[in-house]
Amino acid sequence: MTSLELIILGIVSEGATHAYNIEKKVEEKGIRERFNIGFSTIYSVLKKLEKEGLVVSEVVRQEALPAKKVYSLSHEGQRVLREEIKKLLSLPTSDLSGIELGLMFSGALDKEEVIESVNIYIGEINRLIKECYRSLTELRDVKGIERLLLNRRLAFLQTEKKWLSEVITFI
């Protein structure tokens, strides 16, 4: 199961919903930037999940508004979601990030190009750190897991920024 499929499945598991609400949840949870999820992506993933029997849909008619398709989790979808979440929570991944892959093959660039590119990356990290602080300030009432996830993201970004400063000194 791809990360995008798991994200959509997870959002649908929170209660029957339609694609526009999924779009809003993606935005609220800060997922968009990390996984590049657009509205058309949501529809194609929902279609695939429905074909695989992980979600079911129902067309709901609304007075004076167009009908909308509402998605909910099937029993199989619930089973698969639980299995995937257990895997994610119990097994650290060793996937290479883009920066690791780029550094691994940075010999193809001049030293100046590597430093310039890493500095651009650090600039982007600074922007994301500010975004995390903004989210934490604006979402003061957010508690529990969502706040912990924002704090984890912030700590990760700060650690990565420090590590990249060491990388630049090494280069």
N, C-alpha and C. Protein backbone atom coordinates (compact mmCIF):
# COMPACT_ATOMS: atom_id res chain seq x y z
N MET A 1 0.85 -1.18 0.00
CA MET A 1 0.00 0.00 0.00
C MET A 1 0.89 1.24 0.00
N THR A 2 0.57 2.19 -0.86
CA THR A 2 1.38 3.41 -0.93
C THR A 2 1.01 4.34 0.23
N SER A 3 1.88 5.29 0.50
CA SER A 3 1.60 6.29 1.53
C SER A 3 0.33 7.07 1.21
N LEU A 4 0.15 7.44 -0.05
CA LEU A 4 -1.05 8.18 -0.45
C LEU A 4 -2.31 7.37 -0.17
N GLU A 5 -2.28 6.10 -0.51
CA GLU A 5 -3.44 5.24 -0.26
C GLU A 5 -3.72 5.14 1.24
N LEU A 6 -2.67 5.00 2.01
CA LEU A 6 -2.83 4.89 3.46
C LEU A 6 -3.38 6.19 4.06
N ILE A 7 -2.92 7.32 3.56
CA ILE A 7 -3.41 8.61 4.04
C ILE A 7 -4.91 8.73 3.77
N ILE A 8 -5.32 8.43 2.55
CA ILE A 8 -6.74 8.54 2.19
C ILE A 8 -7.56 7.54 3.01
N LEU A 9 -7.07 6.33 3.12
CA LEU A 9 -7.77 5.30 3.91
C LEU A 9 -7.91 5.75 5.36
N GLY A 10 -6.84 6.31 5.90
CA GLY A 10 -6.87 6.79 7.29
C GLY A 10 -7.89 7.90 7.48
N ILE A 11 -7.95 8.84 6.55
CA ILE A 11 -8.92 9.94 6.66
C ILE A 11 -10.34 9.41 6.55
N VAL A 12 -10.57 8.49 5.62
CA VAL A 12 -11.91 7.91 5.47
C VAL A 12 -12.30 7.13 6.73
N SER A 13 -11.32 6.54 7.40
CA SER A 13 -11.62 5.76 8.62
C SER A 13 -12.14 6.63 9.76
N GLU A 14 -11.90 7.94 9.67
CA GLU A 14 -12.37 8.84 10.72
C GLU A 14 -13.87 9.10 10.62
N GLY A 15 -14.50 8.65 9.55
CA GLY A 15 -15.94 8.80 9.37
C GLY A 15 -16.27 9.00 7.91
N ALA A 16 -17.47 8.59 7.53
CA ALA A 16 -17.92 8.72 6.14
C ALA A 16 -17.71 10.17 5.68
N THR A 17 -17.18 10.31 4.48
CA THR A 17 -16.83 11.65 4.00
C THR A 17 -16.79 11.69 2.49
N HIS A 18 -16.76 12.88 1.93
CA HIS A 18 -16.65 13.02 0.49
C HIS A 18 -15.27 13.62 0.16
N ALA A 19 -14.93 13.62 -1.12
CA ALA A 19 -13.58 14.01 -1.56
C ALA A 19 -13.18 15.41 -1.10
N TYR A 20 -14.11 16.35 -1.12
CA TYR A 20 -13.78 17.72 -0.71
C TYR A 20 -13.37 17.76 0.77
N ASN A 21 -14.06 17.00 1.60
CA ASN A 21 -13.67 16.94 3.03
C ASN A 21 -12.32 16.27 3.22
N ILE A 22 -12.02 15.29 2.38
CA ILE A 22 -10.70 14.65 2.44
C ILE A 22 -9.64 15.69 2.11
N GLU A 23 -9.91 16.47 1.08
CA GLU A 23 -8.99 17.56 0.69
C GLU A 23 -8.74 18.50 1.86
N LYS A 24 -9.79 18.89 2.57
CA LYS A 24 -9.66 19.78 3.72
C LYS A 24 -8.83 19.13 4.84
N LYS A 25 -9.06 17.84 5.08
CA LYS A 25 -8.31 17.12 6.13
C LYS A 25 -6.82 17.03 5.77
N VAL A 26 -6.54 16.81 4.50
CA VAL A 26 -5.14 16.75 4.03
C VAL A 26 -4.46 18.08 4.36
N GLU A 27 -5.16 19.17 4.10
CA GLU A 27 -4.62 20.50 4.39
C GLU A 27 -4.47 20.71 5.90
N GLU A 28 -5.50 20.40 6.67
CA GLU A 28 -5.49 20.59 8.12
C GLU A 28 -4.38 19.80 8.80
N LYS A 29 -4.13 18.59 8.31
CA LYS A 29 -3.13 17.73 8.93
C LYS A 29 -1.71 18.04 8.45
N GLY A 30 -1.56 19.01 7.55
CA GLY A 30 -0.24 19.38 7.05
C GLY A 30 0.39 18.31 6.18
N ILE A 31 -0.42 17.52 5.54
CA ILE A 31 0.08 16.40 4.74
C ILE A 31 0.43 16.82 3.32
N ARG A 32 -0.23 17.84 2.81
CA ARG A 32 -0.09 18.23 1.40
C ARG A 32 1.37 18.42 0.98
N GLU A 33 2.12 19.20 1.73
CA GLU A 33 3.51 19.50 1.37
C GLU A 33 4.37 18.26 1.33
N ARG A 34 4.15 17.36 2.25
CA ARG A 34 5.03 16.20 2.35
C ARG A 34 4.74 15.12 1.33
N PHE A 35 3.49 15.06 0.83
CA PHE A 35 3.12 13.97 -0.06
C PHE A 35 2.57 14.43 -1.40
N ASN A 36 2.54 15.74 -1.64
CA ASN A 36 2.10 16.28 -2.93
C ASN A 36 0.75 15.70 -3.35
N ILE A 37 -0.26 15.95 -2.53
CA ILE A 37 -1.60 15.43 -2.79
C ILE A 37 -2.48 16.54 -3.33
N GLY A 38 -2.94 16.38 -4.55
CA GLY A 38 -3.88 17.33 -5.14
C GLY A 38 -5.27 16.71 -5.19
N PHE A 39 -6.24 17.52 -5.57
CA PHE A 39 -7.62 17.06 -5.61
C PHE A 39 -7.80 15.88 -6.57
N SER A 40 -7.18 15.96 -7.74
CA SER A 40 -7.32 14.86 -8.71
C SER A 40 -6.69 13.57 -8.18
N THR A 41 -5.62 13.71 -7.40
CA THR A 41 -4.97 12.55 -6.80
C THR A 41 -5.92 11.87 -5.83
N ILE A 42 -6.64 12.67 -5.04
CA ILE A 42 -7.59 12.12 -4.07
C ILE A 42 -8.64 11.27 -4.80
N TYR A 43 -9.18 11.81 -5.89
CA TYR A 43 -10.20 11.07 -6.65
C TYR A 43 -9.63 9.76 -7.21
N SER A 44 -8.44 9.81 -7.77
CA SER A 44 -7.90 8.58 -8.37
C SER A 44 -7.58 7.53 -7.29
N VAL A 45 -7.09 7.98 -6.13
CA VAL A 45 -6.81 7.03 -5.04
C VAL A 45 -8.12 6.44 -4.51
N LEU A 46 -9.15 7.28 -4.34
CA LEU A 46 -10.46 6.78 -3.87
C LEU A 46 -11.00 5.73 -4.85
N LYS A 47 -10.87 6.00 -6.14
CA LYS A 47 -11.35 5.07 -7.16
C LYS A 47 -10.62 3.73 -7.04
N LYS A 48 -9.30 3.79 -6.84
CA LYS A 48 -8.50 2.57 -6.71
C LYS A 48 -8.88 1.81 -5.44
N LEU A 49 -9.02 2.53 -4.32
CA LEU A 49 -9.38 1.89 -3.05
C LEU A 49 -10.77 1.25 -3.14
N GLU A 50 -11.67 1.90 -3.86
CA GLU A 50 -13.01 1.34 -4.03
C GLU A 50 -12.95 0.07 -4.88
N LYS A 51 -12.16 0.12 -5.93
CA LYS A 51 -12.01 -1.06 -6.81
C LYS A 51 -11.43 -2.25 -6.04
N GLU A 52 -10.52 -1.95 -5.09
CA GLU A 52 -9.90 -3.01 -4.28
C GLU A 52 -10.79 -3.45 -3.12
N GLY A 53 -11.94 -2.80 -2.95
CA GLY A 53 -12.87 -3.19 -1.90
C GLY A 53 -12.50 -2.66 -0.52
N LEU A 54 -11.63 -1.65 -0.46
CA LEU A 54 -11.21 -1.11 0.83
C LEU A 54 -12.11 0.03 1.30
N VAL A 55 -12.76 0.71 0.35
CA VAL A 55 -13.77 1.72 0.68
C VAL A 55 -15.02 1.42 -0.14
N VAL A 56 -16.14 1.89 0.37
CA VAL A 56 -17.40 1.79 -0.37
C VAL A 56 -17.94 3.20 -0.50
N SER A 57 -18.73 3.41 -1.55
CA SER A 57 -19.28 4.75 -1.75
C SER A 57 -20.79 4.70 -1.89
N GLU A 58 -21.38 5.83 -1.63
CA GLU A 58 -22.83 5.99 -1.75
C GLU A 58 -23.08 7.40 -2.26
N VAL A 59 -23.95 7.53 -3.25
CA VAL A 59 -24.30 8.84 -3.76
C VAL A 59 -25.40 9.41 -2.87
N VAL A 60 -25.13 10.58 -2.29
CA VAL A 60 -26.08 11.23 -1.40
C VAL A 60 -26.68 12.43 -2.11
N ARG A 61 -27.98 12.44 -2.22
CA ARG A 61 -28.68 13.56 -2.86
C ARG A 61 -28.89 14.65 -1.83
N GLN A 62 -28.73 15.91 -2.28
CA GLN A 62 -28.91 17.05 -1.40
C GLN A 62 -29.93 17.99 -2.01
N GLU A 63 -30.74 18.58 -1.19
CA GLU A 63 -31.73 19.52 -1.69
C GLU A 63 -31.03 20.76 -2.22
N ALA A 64 -31.36 21.17 -3.42
CA ALA A 64 -30.84 22.39 -4.06
C ALA A 64 -29.33 22.37 -4.30
N LEU A 65 -28.68 21.24 -4.07
CA LEU A 65 -27.24 21.10 -4.34
C LEU A 65 -27.01 19.84 -5.16
N PRO A 66 -25.90 19.79 -5.88
CA PRO A 66 -25.61 18.56 -6.62
C PRO A 66 -25.38 17.38 -5.65
N ALA A 67 -25.67 16.19 -6.12
CA ALA A 67 -25.43 14.99 -5.32
C ALA A 67 -23.93 14.84 -5.10
N LYS A 68 -23.55 14.21 -3.99
CA LYS A 68 -22.12 13.98 -3.73
C LYS A 68 -21.90 12.51 -3.37
N LYS A 69 -20.72 12.06 -3.70
CA LYS A 69 -20.35 10.68 -3.41
C LYS A 69 -19.66 10.64 -2.05
N VAL A 70 -20.22 9.87 -1.14
CA VAL A 70 -19.68 9.77 0.22
C VAL A 70 -19.01 8.41 0.37
N TYR A 71 -17.79 8.44 0.88
CA TYR A 71 -16.98 7.23 1.03
C TYR A 71 -16.90 6.82 2.49
N SER A 72 -16.91 5.50 2.71
CA SER A 72 -16.67 4.98 4.05
C SER A 72 -15.82 3.72 3.93
N LEU A 73 -15.24 3.34 5.05
CA LEU A 73 -14.34 2.19 5.09
C LEU A 73 -15.13 0.89 5.07
N SER A 74 -14.68 -0.06 4.28
CA SER A 74 -15.29 -1.40 4.30
C SER A 74 -14.63 -2.19 5.43
N HIS A 75 -15.16 -3.37 5.72
CA HIS A 75 -14.55 -4.22 6.75
C HIS A 75 -13.12 -4.59 6.35
N GLU A 76 -12.94 -4.90 5.06
CA GLU A 76 -11.60 -5.23 4.57
C GLU A 76 -10.68 -4.02 4.67
N GLY A 77 -11.22 -2.84 4.38
CA GLY A 77 -10.43 -1.62 4.50
C GLY A 77 -9.98 -1.39 5.93
N GLN A 78 -10.87 -1.64 6.88
CA GLN A 78 -10.52 -1.51 8.31
C GLN A 78 -9.41 -2.48 8.68
N ARG A 79 -9.51 -3.73 8.19
CA ARG A 79 -8.50 -4.74 8.49
C ARG A 79 -7.14 -4.33 7.91
N VAL A 80 -7.14 -3.91 6.65
CA VAL A 80 -5.89 -3.51 5.98
C VAL A 80 -5.30 -2.28 6.66
N LEU A 81 -6.13 -1.31 6.99
CA LEU A 81 -5.65 -0.10 7.66
C LEU A 81 -4.99 -0.45 8.99
N ARG A 82 -5.63 -1.28 9.77
CA ARG A 82 -5.07 -1.69 11.08
C ARG A 82 -3.72 -2.38 10.89
N GLU A 83 -3.66 -3.28 9.91
CA GLU A 83 -2.42 -4.01 9.63
C GLU A 83 -1.29 -3.06 9.21
N GLU A 84 -1.60 -2.12 8.33
CA GLU A 84 -0.60 -1.17 7.84
C GLU A 84 -0.13 -0.23 8.96
N ILE A 85 -1.04 0.22 9.80
CA ILE A 85 -0.67 1.11 10.90
C ILE A 85 0.24 0.37 11.89
N LYS A 86 -0.09 -0.87 12.19
CA LYS A 86 0.77 -1.66 13.09
C LYS A 86 2.18 -1.79 12.52
N LYS A 87 2.27 -2.02 11.20
CA LYS A 87 3.58 -2.11 10.55
C LYS A 87 4.34 -0.80 10.68
N LEU A 88 3.67 0.30 10.38
CA LEU A 88 4.32 1.62 10.44
C LEU A 88 4.80 1.96 11.85
N LEU A 89 4.02 1.58 12.85
CA LEU A 89 4.36 1.93 14.23
C LEU A 89 5.41 1.00 14.83
N SER A 90 5.64 -0.15 14.20
CA SER A 90 6.56 -1.10 14.81
C SER A 90 7.86 -1.32 14.05
N LEU A 91 7.96 -0.83 12.82
CA LEU A 91 9.16 -1.07 12.02
C LEU A 91 9.77 0.23 11.51
N PRO A 92 10.96 0.59 12.01
CA PRO A 92 11.63 1.78 11.45
C PRO A 92 11.92 1.53 9.97
N THR A 93 11.81 2.57 9.16
CA THR A 93 12.11 2.40 7.73
C THR A 93 13.52 2.88 7.44
N SER A 94 14.05 2.35 6.38
CA SER A 94 15.39 2.77 5.97
C SER A 94 15.35 3.40 4.58
N ASP A 95 14.19 3.94 4.22
CA ASP A 95 14.06 4.58 2.91
C ASP A 95 15.03 5.75 2.81
N LEU A 96 15.65 5.88 1.66
CA LEU A 96 16.54 7.01 1.41
C LEU A 96 15.70 8.24 1.15
N SER A 97 16.05 9.34 1.82
CA SER A 97 15.37 10.60 1.52
C SER A 97 16.04 11.21 0.30
N GLY A 98 15.40 12.21 -0.26
CA GLY A 98 15.96 12.89 -1.43
C GLY A 98 17.32 13.48 -1.15
N ILE A 99 17.48 14.09 0.02
CA ILE A 99 18.77 14.72 0.35
C ILE A 99 19.87 13.65 0.48
N GLU A 100 19.53 12.51 1.05
CA GLU A 100 20.53 11.44 1.18
C GLU A 100 20.94 10.92 -0.19
N LEU A 101 19.96 10.72 -1.04
CA LEU A 101 20.25 10.25 -2.39
C LEU A 101 21.08 11.27 -3.17
N GLY A 102 20.70 12.56 -3.03
CA GLY A 102 21.46 13.61 -3.69
C GLY A 102 22.90 13.67 -3.22
N LEU A 103 23.10 13.57 -1.91
CA LEU A 103 24.47 13.60 -1.36
C LEU A 103 25.27 12.38 -1.78
N MET A 104 24.59 11.24 -1.86
CA MET A 104 25.25 10.00 -2.25
C MET A 104 25.91 10.14 -3.63
N PHE A 105 25.26 10.89 -4.52
CA PHE A 105 25.78 11.04 -5.87
C PHE A 105 26.21 12.47 -6.18
N SER A 106 26.52 13.23 -5.14
CA SER A 106 26.90 14.64 -5.31
C SER A 106 28.23 14.80 -6.03
N GLY A 107 28.98 13.75 -6.17
CA GLY A 107 30.24 13.80 -6.91
C GLY A 107 30.04 14.21 -8.36
N ALA A 108 28.82 14.12 -8.86
CA ALA A 108 28.53 14.50 -10.24
C ALA A 108 28.48 16.02 -10.40
N LEU A 109 28.48 16.75 -9.28
CA LEU A 109 28.42 18.22 -9.29
C LEU A 109 29.74 18.81 -8.83
N ASP A 110 29.95 20.08 -9.15
CA ASP A 110 31.09 20.81 -8.58
C ASP A 110 30.79 21.08 -7.11
N LYS A 111 31.84 21.29 -6.32
CA LYS A 111 31.70 21.56 -4.90
C LYS A 111 30.76 22.75 -4.66
N GLU A 112 30.90 23.80 -5.45
CA GLU A 112 30.07 25.00 -5.29
C GLU A 112 28.60 24.70 -5.55
N GLU A 113 28.34 23.84 -6.55
CA GLU A 113 26.95 23.48 -6.85
C GLU A 113 26.33 22.69 -5.70
N VAL A 114 27.11 21.81 -5.11
CA VAL A 114 26.62 21.02 -3.97
C VAL A 114 26.28 21.95 -2.81
N ILE A 115 27.21 22.86 -2.48
CA ILE A 115 27.00 23.79 -1.37
C ILE A 115 25.79 24.69 -1.65
N GLU A 116 25.69 25.20 -2.88
CA GLU A 116 24.55 26.05 -3.23
C GLU A 116 23.23 25.28 -3.08
N SER A 117 23.21 24.05 -3.57
CA SER A 117 21.99 23.24 -3.49
C SER A 117 21.62 22.93 -2.05
N VAL A 118 22.60 22.58 -1.24
CA VAL A 118 22.34 22.28 0.18
C VAL A 118 21.86 23.54 0.90
N ASN A 119 22.42 24.69 0.55
CA ASN A 119 21.96 25.95 1.16
C ASN A 119 20.51 26.27 0.78
N ILE A 120 20.14 25.95 -0.44
CA ILE A 120 18.74 26.12 -0.86
C ILE A 120 17.85 25.20 -0.02
N TYR A 121 18.31 23.98 0.18
CA TYR A 121 17.58 23.00 1.00
C TYR A 121 17.42 23.53 2.43
N ILE A 122 18.49 24.09 2.98
CA ILE A 122 18.44 24.66 4.33
C ILE A 122 17.44 25.82 4.38
N GLY A 123 17.40 26.62 3.33
CA GLY A 123 16.41 27.71 3.25
C GLY A 123 14.99 27.17 3.30
N GLU A 124 14.78 26.07 2.60
CA GLU A 124 13.46 25.44 2.61
C GLU A 124 13.14 24.87 4.00
N ILE A 125 14.15 24.31 4.63
CA ILE A 125 13.96 23.79 6.01
C ILE A 125 13.58 24.95 6.94
N ASN A 126 14.24 26.09 6.79
CA ASN A 126 13.90 27.26 7.62
C ASN A 126 12.44 27.68 7.41
N ARG A 127 11.99 27.64 6.16
CA ARG A 127 10.60 27.97 5.86
C ARG A 127 9.65 26.99 6.55
N LEU A 128 10.00 25.70 6.49
CA LEU A 128 9.16 24.68 7.10
C LEU A 128 9.15 24.79 8.63
N ILE A 129 10.29 25.17 9.21
CA ILE A 129 10.36 25.39 10.66
C ILE A 129 9.42 26.52 11.05
N LYS A 130 9.46 27.61 10.29
CA LYS A 130 8.54 28.74 10.56
C LYS A 130 7.09 28.29 10.44
N GLU A 131 6.81 27.48 9.43
CA GLU A 131 5.46 26.96 9.23
C GLU A 131 5.01 26.11 10.43
N CYS A 132 5.92 25.30 10.95
CA CYS A 132 5.59 24.48 12.13
C CYS A 132 5.28 25.37 13.33
N TYR A 133 6.12 26.38 13.55
CA TYR A 133 5.87 27.30 14.67
C TYR A 133 4.52 28.00 14.48
N ARG A 134 4.23 28.42 13.24
CA ARG A 134 2.96 29.08 12.96
C ARG A 134 1.80 28.15 13.27
N SER A 135 1.90 26.92 12.82
CA SER A 135 0.83 25.94 13.07
C SER A 135 0.66 25.68 14.55
N LEU A 136 1.77 25.56 15.27
CA LEU A 136 1.68 25.32 16.71
C LEU A 136 1.04 26.50 17.43
N THR A 137 1.31 27.71 16.96
CA THR A 137 0.74 28.90 17.60
C THR A 137 -0.73 29.04 17.24
N GLU A 138 -1.06 28.85 15.95
CA GLU A 138 -2.45 29.00 15.52
C GLU A 138 -3.34 27.89 16.06
N LEU A 139 -2.78 26.73 16.26
CA LEU A 139 -3.57 25.59 16.69
C LEU A 139 -3.37 25.30 18.18
N ARG A 140 -3.43 26.34 18.97
CA ARG A 140 -3.22 26.18 20.42
C ARG A 140 -4.14 25.15 21.04
N ASP A 141 -5.34 25.03 20.47
CA ASP A 141 -6.30 24.09 21.04
C ASP A 141 -6.08 22.65 20.55
N VAL A 142 -5.14 22.46 19.62
CA VAL A 142 -4.83 21.11 19.16
C VAL A 142 -4.04 20.40 20.26
N LYS A 143 -4.51 19.25 20.62
CA LYS A 143 -3.88 18.51 21.71
C LYS A 143 -3.58 17.08 21.25
N GLY A 144 -2.97 16.34 22.13
CA GLY A 144 -2.76 14.92 21.88
C GLY A 144 -1.82 14.64 20.73
N ILE A 145 -2.17 13.62 19.98
CA ILE A 145 -1.30 13.11 18.91
C ILE A 145 -1.00 14.18 17.87
N GLU A 146 -1.98 14.98 17.48
CA GLU A 146 -1.72 15.99 16.43
C GLU A 146 -0.66 16.99 16.86
N ARG A 147 -0.69 17.42 18.13
CA ARG A 147 0.33 18.34 18.63
C ARG A 147 1.68 17.63 18.70
N LEU A 148 1.68 16.40 19.17
CA LEU A 148 2.93 15.63 19.24
C LEU A 148 3.53 15.45 17.86
N LEU A 149 2.70 15.23 16.85
CA LEU A 149 3.21 15.07 15.48
C LEU A 149 3.83 16.36 14.97
N LEU A 150 3.19 17.50 15.28
CA LEU A 150 3.78 18.79 14.89
C LEU A 150 5.11 19.01 15.60
N ASN A 151 5.17 18.67 16.88
CA ASN A 151 6.43 18.81 17.64
C ASN A 151 7.51 17.89 17.09
N ARG A 152 7.13 16.68 16.68
CA ARG A 152 8.10 15.74 16.11
C ARG A 152 8.65 16.31 14.81
N ARG A 153 7.75 16.81 13.97
CA ARG A 153 8.18 17.39 12.70
C ARG A 153 9.15 18.54 12.92
N LEU A 154 8.83 19.41 13.88
CA LEU A 154 9.69 20.54 14.20
C LEU A 154 11.06 20.06 14.67
N ALA A 155 11.08 19.10 15.58
CA ALA A 155 12.36 18.57 16.10
C ALA A 155 13.17 17.93 14.96
N PHE A 156 12.50 17.20 14.08
CA PHE A 156 13.17 16.58 12.96
C PHE A 156 13.81 17.64 12.05
N LEU A 157 13.05 18.68 11.73
CA LEU A 157 13.55 19.75 10.86
C LEU A 157 14.74 20.46 11.49
N GLN A 158 14.67 20.75 12.78
CA GLN A 158 15.77 21.42 13.47
C GLN A 158 17.01 20.54 13.48
N THR A 159 16.82 19.26 13.70
CA THR A 159 17.95 18.32 13.70
C THR A 159 18.56 18.20 12.31
N GLU A 160 17.70 18.14 11.30
CA GLU A 160 18.20 18.04 9.93
C GLU A 160 18.97 19.30 9.54
N LYS A 161 18.49 20.45 9.96
CA LYS A 161 19.18 21.72 9.67
C LYS A 161 20.58 21.70 10.29
N LYS A 162 20.68 21.24 11.54
CA LYS A 162 21.98 21.15 12.22
C LYS A 162 22.90 20.17 11.47
N TRP A 163 22.35 19.04 11.09
CA TRP A 163 23.13 18.03 10.38
C TRP A 163 23.63 18.58 9.04
N LEU A 164 22.78 19.32 8.33
CA LEU A 164 23.18 19.88 7.04
C LEU A 164 24.29 20.92 7.18
N SER A 165 24.29 21.63 8.31
CA SER A 165 25.39 22.57 8.55
C SER A 165 26.71 21.81 8.67
N GLU A 166 26.66 20.65 9.30
CA GLU A 166 27.85 19.80 9.40
C GLU A 166 28.25 19.28 8.02
N VAL A 167 27.26 18.94 7.21
CA VAL A 167 27.52 18.45 5.85
C VAL A 167 28.28 19.50 5.05
N ILE A 168 27.82 20.75 5.15
CA ILE A 168 28.47 21.84 4.40
C ILE A 168 29.93 22.01 4.85
N THR A 169 30.18 21.89 6.15
CA THR A 169 31.57 22.01 6.61
C THR A 169 32.43 20.87 6.10
N PHE A 170 31.83 19.71 5.95
CA PHE A 170 32.56 18.55 5.45
C PHE A 170 32.87 18.68 3.98
N ILE A 171 31.95 19.27 3.23
CA ILE A 171 32.12 19.40 1.77
C ILE A 171 33.30 20.31 1.52
